[in-house]
């Protein structure tokens, strides 16, 4: 079992820089993450970095 299994995290800020790095660590630990992005390009980049949502 991973450290953050069955946990949900909300990362508020940007989908770049520190916000994206924190989201990556949480996802690697098994958490479901909701990450905010200011633009469609940032959102697309974050999805590419983090992978698709579970079950999609």
Protein backbone atom coordinates (compact mmCIF):
# COMPACT_ATOMS: atom_id res chain seq x y z
CA UNK A 1 0.00 0.00 0.00
CA UNK A 2 1.26 3.46 -0.79
CA UNK A 3 1.66 6.32 1.65
CA UNK A 4 -1.35 8.36 0.41
CA UNK A 5 -3.62 5.55 -0.80
CA UNK A 6 -7.33 6.38 -0.55
CA UNK A 7 -6.49 10.05 0.11
CA UNK A 8 -7.61 13.06 -1.90
CA UNK A 9 -5.56 16.25 -2.11
CA UNK A 10 -6.38 19.71 -3.43
CA UNK A 11 -3.34 21.62 -4.68
CA UNK A 12 -4.25 25.28 -5.11
CA UNK A 13 -1.95 27.55 -7.01
CA UNK A 14 -0.56 26.82 -10.40
CA UNK A 15 -0.14 23.69 -12.44
CA UNK A 16 3.53 24.57 -12.86
CA UNK A 17 6.54 24.89 -10.60
CA UNK A 18 6.08 23.99 -6.94
CA UNK A 19 2.36 23.21 -7.31
CA UNK A 20 3.03 20.63 -10.00
CA UNK A 21 5.95 19.16 -8.04
CA UNK A 22 3.76 18.72 -4.94
CA UNK A 23 1.01 17.15 -7.04
CA UNK A 24 3.51 14.72 -8.60
CA UNK A 25 4.71 13.55 -5.18
CA UNK A 26 1.15 13.04 -3.98
CA UNK A 27 0.21 11.07 -7.11
CA UNK A 28 3.35 8.96 -6.78
CA UNK A 29 2.27 8.22 -3.21
CA UNK A 30 -1.15 7.03 -4.37
CA UNK A 31 -3.33 10.11 -3.76
CA UNK A 32 -6.05 11.41 -6.05
CA UNK A 33 -5.18 15.03 -6.79
CA UNK A 34 -7.25 18.00 -7.90
CA UNK A 35 -4.89 20.64 -9.27
CA UNK A 36 -5.91 24.11 -10.40
CA UNK A 37 -4.58 25.68 -13.60
CA UNK A 38 -4.96 29.18 -15.01
CA UNK A 39 -4.88 28.23 -18.68
CA UNK A 40 -5.78 25.29 -20.90
CA UNK A 41 -2.10 24.93 -21.78
CA UNK A 42 -1.12 24.59 -18.10
CA UNK A 43 -3.88 22.03 -17.59
CA UNK A 44 -2.74 20.00 -20.60
CA UNK A 45 0.86 20.10 -19.38
CA UNK A 46 -0.17 18.95 -15.88
CA UNK A 47 -2.23 16.07 -17.28
CA UNK A 48 0.72 15.01 -19.42
CA UNK A 49 3.02 15.09 -16.37
CA UNK A 50 0.62 13.44 -13.90
CA UNK A 51 -1.25 11.08 -16.18
CA UNK A 52 -5.01 10.74 -16.67
CA UNK A 53 -7.41 10.56 -13.74
CA UNK A 54 -7.97 7.07 -12.31
CA UNK A 55 -10.72 5.18 -14.08
CA UNK A 56 -10.57 7.20 -17.28
